[in-house]
Amino acid sequence: MVEIGKINNLQVVKILDHGIYLDGEDLGEILMPSRYVPDDCVIGDSLEVFIYLDSADLLLATTETPYVMVGECAYLKVVDVNQAGAFLDWGLPKDLLVPYGEQISPLKIGQSYTVLVYLDENTNRIAATQKLDSRLSEEAQYFKPEQAVDLLIFGKTDLGYKTVINNTHIGLIYKNEVFQPLTHGEKLKGFIKTIREDRKIDLCLQLPGKDARDDLNTRILNHLKNNDGESTLTDKSSPEDIYQCFAVSKKNYKKAIGMLYKKRLIWIEEDKITLL
């Protein structure tokens, strides 16, 4: 089945001066303008193409890949605003529309926003919405604790950072568990921390597993060896300083140096730790 707003593998059925036509199955023949056609293209070839509607609502195929496809979220810049809504740069000649009804507040030219791209089932037009909460689920279905996931930061509350999970769900990273700067539109790897009783999803950026602890212990020892056996990062140091050096929370760092102390590998003082 050919899908508008996604990459499809389609067969060439006609070659004309202004372009080629591809077999769009139930959508009929789809034009690819000549500027996108490979030089050695012949009838019967199969091409990987992105399908969308042009300004005249005609189906077009292109070998260009947009920054985001239908069903995905992205952080995109507004390049124009008119009576229809705001238009985003998504890497194709025809900009991506965010209708006024899909805006949380008026979008401004030059600013970037996190949106979800969707297909209007009535018109087959591709559009975007800021209203992620109404289109993505906050209740876990198939996620499990400690599962690795792709994250996209899109908002901030008193509790923490609202985050898109795998383009399908919304979860929360608690601000008291974040030890690095996070910005709107930032993509990063993370983990399912817990599934709450109400089925909502808590996230974390690190897992406190044995492998992670062993890796941190090794990095602390190497840090000491590379600094003449001493470090001013102690259990009294700021979370920011600890994160800048080791990319871990102060809590995990304190556990690590405590373990190294018990193994008699380091000595802990008020203002420094020393390699034994």
Protein backbone atom coordinates (compact mmCIF):
# COMPACT_ATOMS: atom_id res chain seq x y z
CA MET A 1 0.00 0.00 0.00
CA VAL A 2 1.37 3.41 -1.02
CA GLU A 3 1.46 5.89 1.87
CA ILE A 4 1.38 9.66 1.46
CA GLY A 5 3.90 11.40 3.69
CA LYS A 6 6.27 8.44 3.84
CA ILE A 7 9.00 6.74 1.81
CA ASN A 8 7.68 4.25 -0.73
CA ASN A 9 9.32 1.90 -3.22
CA LEU A 10 7.54 2.54 -6.55
CA GLN A 11 8.05 1.30 -10.09
CA VAL A 12 8.59 3.56 -13.11
CA VAL A 13 5.80 3.13 -15.69
CA LYS A 14 6.26 6.15 -18.01
CA ILE A 15 9.11 8.47 -19.02
CA LEU A 16 8.21 11.88 -20.48
CA ASP A 17 10.04 15.17 -21.08
CA HIS A 18 8.71 16.78 -17.89
CA GLY A 19 9.39 13.78 -15.65
CA ILE A 20 8.46 10.18 -15.00
CA TYR A 21 5.32 8.51 -13.73
CA LEU A 22 5.38 5.93 -10.97
CA ASP A 23 2.87 3.21 -10.19
CA GLY A 24 1.00 4.52 -7.14
CA GLU A 25 -1.29 1.49 -6.99
CA ASP A 26 -4.70 2.64 -5.63
CA LEU A 27 -3.54 6.29 -5.83
CA GLY A 28 -2.97 6.04 -9.59
CA GLU A 29 0.11 7.20 -11.46
CA ILE A 30 2.30 9.67 -9.55
CA LEU A 31 4.50 12.27 -11.24
CA MET A 32 8.15 12.74 -10.33
CA PRO A 33 9.38 16.02 -11.89
CA SER A 34 12.42 15.70 -14.14
CA ARG A 35 14.72 17.51 -11.68
CA TYR A 36 14.50 14.51 -9.34
CA VAL A 37 14.81 11.75 -11.95
CA PRO A 38 18.08 9.74 -11.92
CA ASP A 39 20.07 10.02 -15.18
CA ASP A 40 20.01 6.29 -15.93
CA CYS A 41 16.32 5.77 -15.08
CA VAL A 42 14.37 3.34 -17.32
CA ILE A 43 10.84 1.92 -17.30
CA GLY A 44 10.61 -0.92 -14.79
CA ASP A 45 13.08 0.60 -12.31
CA SER A 46 12.04 0.77 -8.66
CA LEU A 47 12.78 4.03 -6.83
CA GLU A 48 12.70 5.00 -3.15
CA VAL A 49 10.53 8.15 -3.13
CA PHE A 50 8.67 10.42 -0.75
CA ILE A 51 5.03 11.13 -1.70
CA TYR A 52 3.23 14.42 -0.99
CA LEU A 53 0.72 16.87 -2.48
CA ASP A 54 1.93 20.03 -4.21
CA SER A 55 0.28 23.46 -3.93
CA ALA A 56 -2.34 22.42 -6.51
CA ASP A 57 -3.14 19.25 -4.52
CA LEU A 58 -1.52 17.00 -7.13
CA LEU A 59 0.43 13.96 -5.94
CA LEU A 60 4.17 14.31 -6.44
CA ALA A 61 7.12 12.01 -5.82
CA THR A 62 10.61 13.16 -4.89
CA THR A 63 13.92 11.51 -4.12
CA GLU A 64 14.53 14.22 -1.52
CA THR A 65 13.92 13.18 2.08
CA PRO A 66 12.19 15.70 4.40
CA TYR A 67 13.41 16.33 7.94
CA VAL A 68 10.29 14.59 9.28
CA MET A 69 7.55 12.32 7.94
CA VAL A 70 3.92 11.61 8.80
CA GLY A 71 3.66 10.16 12.31
CA GLU A 72 6.93 11.71 13.48
CA CYS A 73 7.76 14.70 15.68
CA ALA A 74 10.41 17.31 14.98
CA TYR A 75 11.62 20.76 16.01
CA LEU A 76 11.14 23.00 12.96
CA LYS A 77 11.54 26.69 12.12
CA VAL A 78 8.69 28.94 10.97
CA VAL A 79 9.48 30.58 7.63
CA ASP A 80 6.15 32.23 6.81
CA VAL A 81 2.75 33.10 8.27
CA ASN A 82 -0.43 33.92 6.33
CA GLN A 83 -4.20 33.57 6.57
CA ALA A 84 -3.98 29.75 6.42
CA GLY A 85 -1.54 29.39 9.31
CA ALA A 86 2.19 29.10 9.88
CA PHE A 87 4.60 27.39 7.48
CA LEU A 88 7.61 25.38 8.59
CA ASP A 89 10.83 24.48 6.79
CA TRP A 90 10.88 20.70 6.60
CA GLY A 91 13.40 20.28 3.80
CA LEU A 92 11.06 20.26 0.77
CA PRO A 93 10.17 23.05 -1.71
CA LYS A 94 6.59 23.16 -0.40
CA ASP A 95 6.67 24.28 3.26
CA LEU A 96 4.75 22.40 5.95
CA LEU A 97 1.52 24.03 7.18
CA VAL A 98 0.49 24.34 10.83
CA PRO A 99 -3.17 25.46 10.65
CA TYR A 100 -4.29 28.03 13.22
CA GLY A 101 -6.51 25.41 14.81
CA GLU A 102 -3.45 23.24 15.46
CA GLN A 103 -1.44 25.99 17.16
CA ILE A 104 -1.25 26.36 20.95
CA SER A 105 -0.38 30.04 20.54
CA PRO A 106 0.43 32.07 17.41
CA LEU A 107 3.66 30.86 15.82
CA LYS A 108 6.26 33.49 14.92
CA ILE A 109 8.54 33.69 11.90
CA GLY A 110 12.11 32.74 12.78
CA GLN A 111 11.13 30.76 15.87
CA SER A 112 11.27 26.95 16.09
CA TYR A 113 8.60 24.70 17.60
CA THR A 114 8.07 21.01 18.27
CA VAL A 115 5.31 19.58 16.08
CA LEU A 116 3.78 16.27 15.08
CA VAL A 117 3.27 15.69 11.36
CA TYR A 118 -0.05 14.12 10.38
CA LEU A 119 -2.09 13.30 7.28
CA ASP A 120 -5.48 14.97 6.96
CA GLU A 121 -7.68 12.02 6.03
CA ASN A 122 -10.27 14.25 4.34
CA THR A 123 -7.88 16.04 1.98
CA ASN A 124 -4.74 13.81 1.95
CA ARG A 125 -2.75 16.94 2.76
CA ILE A 126 0.24 16.70 5.06
CA ALA A 127 0.14 19.15 7.97
CA ALA A 128 1.58 19.61 11.44
CA THR A 129 0.22 20.27 14.91
CA GLN A 130 1.58 21.68 18.13
CA LYS A 131 -1.08 19.83 20.10
CA LEU A 132 0.94 16.73 20.90
CA ASP A 133 -1.07 15.94 24.04
CA SER A 134 -4.22 15.36 21.99
CA ARG A 135 -2.58 13.05 19.46
CA LEU A 136 -0.01 11.07 21.48
CA SER A 137 -0.86 8.70 24.32
CA GLU A 138 0.31 9.30 27.89
CA GLU A 139 -0.56 5.74 28.91
CA ALA A 140 1.96 2.93 28.51
CA GLN A 141 0.91 0.04 26.31
CA TYR A 142 3.92 -2.05 25.38
CA PHE A 143 6.74 -0.27 27.25
CA LYS A 144 8.68 -1.99 30.03
CA PRO A 145 10.95 -0.58 32.77
CA GLU A 146 14.57 -0.13 31.64
CA GLN A 147 13.57 -0.28 27.96
CA ALA A 148 15.76 1.95 25.77
CA VAL A 149 13.79 4.61 23.87
CA ASP A 150 14.27 7.66 21.64
CA LEU A 151 13.28 10.94 23.28
CA LEU A 152 12.40 14.45 22.11
CA ILE A 153 12.03 17.26 24.66
CA PHE A 154 8.99 19.44 23.91
CA GLY A 155 7.87 21.13 27.13
CA LYS A 156 8.57 21.89 30.76
CA THR A 157 6.34 21.73 33.84
CA ASP A 158 6.89 22.29 37.55
CA LEU A 159 7.77 18.59 37.85
CA GLY A 160 10.12 18.27 34.91
CA TYR A 161 10.41 17.89 31.16
CA LYS A 162 7.58 16.66 28.92
CA THR A 163 9.05 14.30 26.38
CA VAL A 164 7.94 12.48 23.24
CA ILE A 165 8.79 8.76 23.35
CA ASN A 166 9.44 6.97 20.03
CA ASN A 167 7.07 9.44 18.27
CA THR A 168 4.08 7.65 19.83
CA HIS A 169 3.81 8.47 23.55
CA ILE A 170 4.43 11.21 26.10
CA GLY A 171 6.42 10.78 29.30
CA LEU A 172 8.09 12.85 31.99
CA ILE A 173 11.70 13.30 33.07
CA TYR A 174 11.72 14.69 36.62
CA LYS A 175 13.80 17.84 36.91
CA ASN A 176 15.51 16.68 40.12
CA GLU A 177 16.90 13.73 38.16
CA VAL A 178 18.37 15.82 35.34
CA PHE A 179 22.02 16.79 35.61
CA GLN A 180 22.57 18.26 32.17
CA PRO A 181 21.05 21.14 30.21
CA LEU A 182 17.94 20.09 28.28
CA THR A 183 16.40 22.28 25.59
CA HIS A 184 13.16 22.22 23.58
CA GLY A 185 13.55 20.15 20.44
CA GLU A 186 16.54 18.22 21.76
CA LYS A 187 16.75 14.57 20.72
CA LEU A 188 18.45 12.07 22.99
CA LYS A 189 18.48 8.47 24.13
CA GLY A 190 16.80 7.48 27.37
CA PHE A 191 15.04 4.72 29.27
CA ILE A 192 11.65 3.87 30.68
CA LYS A 193 12.14 4.35 34.42
CA THR A 194 8.76 3.23 35.75
CA ILE A 195 5.16 2.72 34.66
CA ARG A 196 2.97 4.40 37.28
CA GLU A 197 -0.31 3.00 38.60
CA ASP A 198 -2.21 5.35 36.30
CA ARG A 199 -0.17 3.89 33.38
CA LYS A 200 1.70 7.14 32.81
CA ILE A 201 5.37 6.91 31.97
CA ASP A 202 8.36 8.17 33.96
CA LEU A 203 11.64 8.43 32.11
CA CYS A 204 15.32 8.61 32.98
CA LEU A 205 18.49 9.36 31.05
CA GLN A 206 20.63 6.79 32.86
CA LEU A 207 20.12 3.31 34.27
CA PRO A 208 21.78 2.56 37.61
CA GLY A 209 22.75 -0.98 36.56
CA LYS A 210 25.88 -2.92 37.45
CA ASP A 211 27.55 -2.27 34.09
CA ALA A 212 26.98 1.47 34.47
CA ARG A 213 28.39 1.41 38.03
CA ASP A 214 31.46 -0.55 36.94
CA ASP A 215 32.03 1.85 34.05
CA LEU A 216 31.78 4.86 36.38
CA ASN A 217 34.22 3.29 38.86
CA THR A 218 36.71 2.75 36.05
CA ARG A 219 36.32 6.30 34.78
CA ILE A 220 36.89 7.74 38.27
CA LEU A 221 40.08 5.70 38.72
CA ASN A 222 41.32 6.74 35.26
CA HIS A 223 40.51 10.37 36.07
CA LEU A 224 42.65 10.12 39.21
CA LYS A 225 45.52 8.42 37.36
CA ASN A 226 45.49 11.18 34.74
CA ASN A 227 45.57 13.92 37.40
CA ASP A 228 48.53 12.83 39.54
CA GLY A 229 46.32 10.68 41.76
CA GLU A 230 44.09 13.49 43.05
CA SER A 231 40.73 15.08 42.27
CA THR A 232 38.83 17.94 43.88
CA LEU A 233 35.50 16.29 42.99
CA THR A 234 34.24 14.93 46.31
CA ASP A 235 30.84 14.09 47.77
CA LYS A 236 30.61 17.80 48.65
CA SER A 237 31.03 19.00 45.05
CA SER A 238 28.16 20.54 43.10
CA PRO A 239 25.98 18.32 40.87
CA GLU A 240 26.90 20.53 37.90
CA ASP A 241 30.66 20.02 38.37
CA ILE A 242 30.21 16.27 38.75
CA TYR A 243 28.02 16.02 35.68
CA GLN A 244 30.41 18.10 33.59
CA CYS A 245 33.23 15.67 34.34
CA PHE A 246 31.45 12.30 34.43
CA ALA A 247 27.95 12.87 32.94
CA VAL A 248 26.29 11.25 35.99
CA SER A 249 24.21 12.47 38.90
CA LYS A 250 25.77 13.45 42.21
CA LYS A 251 23.90 10.56 43.85
CA ASN A 252 25.50 7.99 41.55
CA TYR A 253 28.92 9.63 41.90
CA LYS A 254 28.73 9.49 45.71
CA LYS A 255 27.81 5.79 45.54
CA ALA A 256 30.76 5.13 43.24
CA ILE A 257 33.40 6.85 45.36
CA GLY A 258 31.91 5.24 48.46
CA MET A 259 32.38 1.82 46.85
CA LEU A 260 35.93 2.66 45.81
CA TYR A 261 36.66 3.83 49.38
CA LYS A 262 35.35 0.55 50.83
CA LYS A 263 37.61 -1.35 48.43
CA ARG A 264 40.54 0.76 49.71
CA LEU A 265 41.26 2.10 46.25
CA ILE A 266 40.82 5.78 47.16
CA TRP A 267 40.99 8.03 50.22
CA ILE A 268 38.23 10.63 50.68
CA GLU A 269 38.94 13.97 52.37
CA GLU A 270 36.88 17.14 52.77
CA ASP A 271 38.31 18.86 49.69
CA LYS A 272 39.74 16.04 47.57
CA ILE A 273 39.93 12.33 46.87
CA THR A 274 43.26 10.55 46.49
CA LEU A 275 44.26 7.37 44.68
CA LEU A 276 45.79 4.78 47.03
